[in-house]
């Protein structure tokens, strides 16, 4: 159980537990900042008009770039083709 909960996913990505933890925490901080920008934007639409969307695009680009560095990453983790359906 310890293996599947804590180690299997980072290994699939070619990372140690702590390297994956650091990356995930950094992503969560960036997402939190984007969420705060969305909250302020909801209250005052003239503020942070593109902040959240730029943050999401930047995080996505970073994830895709990291996957390209490690070609052995599980194909289920790769970006979808443009002709794949989104549910």
Protein backbone atom coordinates (compact mmCIF):
# COMPACT_ATOMS: atom_id res chain seq x y z
CA UNK A 1 0.00 0.00 0.00
CA UNK A 2 2.82 2.42 0.82
CA UNK A 3 4.32 1.74 -2.60
CA UNK A 4 1.12 2.45 -4.51
CA UNK A 5 0.14 5.53 -2.50
CA UNK A 6 3.49 7.30 -2.28
CA UNK A 7 6.00 5.94 -4.75
CA UNK A 8 4.37 4.48 -7.87
CA UNK A 9 3.25 7.75 -9.46
CA UNK A 10 6.53 9.65 -8.95
CA UNK A 11 8.45 6.68 -10.36
CA UNK A 12 6.24 6.71 -13.46
CA UNK A 13 7.39 10.28 -13.97
CA UNK A 14 11.03 9.50 -13.33
CA UNK A 15 11.08 11.47 -10.08
CA UNK A 16 11.79 10.72 -6.45
CA UNK A 17 9.03 11.19 -3.89
CA UNK A 18 10.53 14.48 -2.67
CA UNK A 19 11.20 15.85 -6.17
CA UNK A 20 7.58 15.12 -7.07
CA UNK A 21 6.37 16.64 -3.80
CA UNK A 22 8.29 19.84 -4.47
CA UNK A 23 6.96 20.11 -8.03
CA UNK A 24 3.37 19.45 -6.92
CA UNK A 25 3.63 22.01 -4.11
CA UNK A 26 4.96 24.63 -6.51
CA UNK A 27 2.09 23.93 -8.91
CA UNK A 28 -0.39 24.22 -6.05
CA UNK A 29 1.04 27.60 -5.02
CA UNK A 30 0.75 28.91 -8.57
CA UNK A 31 -2.81 27.58 -8.83
CA UNK A 32 -3.68 29.18 -5.49
CA UNK A 33 -2.38 32.54 -6.71
CA UNK A 34 -4.41 32.14 -9.92
CA UNK A 35 -7.50 31.31 -7.84
CA UNK A 36 -7.01 34.46 -5.76
CA UNK A 37 -6.68 36.50 -8.95
CA UNK A 38 -9.96 34.97 -10.17
CA UNK A 39 -11.65 35.86 -6.90
CA UNK A 40 -10.54 39.48 -7.11
CA UNK A 41 -11.49 39.56 -10.80
CA UNK A 42 -14.98 38.31 -9.93
CA UNK A 43 -15.42 41.25 -7.57
CA UNK A 44 -13.67 43.89 -9.72
CA UNK A 45 -13.68 42.77 -13.38
CA UNK A 46 -11.15 45.41 -14.44
CA UNK A 47 -8.47 43.75 -12.29
CA UNK A 48 -6.50 40.62 -13.21
CA UNK A 49 -8.27 40.21 -16.55
CA UNK A 50 -5.83 37.58 -17.89
CA UNK A 51 -3.79 36.60 -14.85
CA UNK A 52 -5.42 33.23 -14.18
CA UNK A 53 -5.55 32.13 -17.81
CA UNK A 54 -1.89 33.04 -18.30
CA UNK A 55 -0.96 31.13 -15.13
CA UNK A 56 -2.84 28.03 -16.29
CA UNK A 57 -1.25 28.20 -19.76
CA UNK A 58 2.20 28.58 -18.19
CA UNK A 59 1.69 25.61 -15.85
CA UNK A 60 0.41 23.47 -18.70
CA UNK A 61 3.42 24.37 -20.86
CA UNK A 62 5.74 23.44 -17.99
CA UNK A 63 4.05 20.08 -17.49
CA UNK A 64 4.23 19.26 -21.20
CA UNK A 65 7.89 20.34 -21.36
CA UNK A 66 8.73 18.11 -18.38
CA UNK A 67 7.02 15.16 -20.05
CA UNK A 68 9.07 15.70 -23.21
CA UNK A 69 12.27 15.57 -21.13
CA UNK A 70 11.34 12.05 -20.03
CA UNK A 71 10.14 10.06 -23.08
CA UNK A 72 9.51 6.99 -20.90
CA UNK A 73 6.59 8.66 -19.10
CA UNK A 74 3.38 6.67 -19.31
CA UNK A 75 1.45 7.65 -22.44
CA UNK A 76 -1.69 8.14 -20.34
CA UNK A 77 0.02 11.22 -18.91
CA UNK A 78 0.74 12.78 -22.31
CA UNK A 79 -1.32 15.69 -23.68
CA UNK A 80 -4.43 14.73 -25.63
CA UNK A 81 -4.48 14.96 -29.42
CA UNK A 82 -6.69 17.71 -30.76
CA UNK A 83 -9.12 15.13 -32.19
CA UNK A 84 -9.66 13.33 -28.85
CA UNK A 85 -12.98 13.96 -27.15
CA UNK A 86 -13.06 15.82 -23.85
CA UNK A 87 -15.67 14.63 -21.38
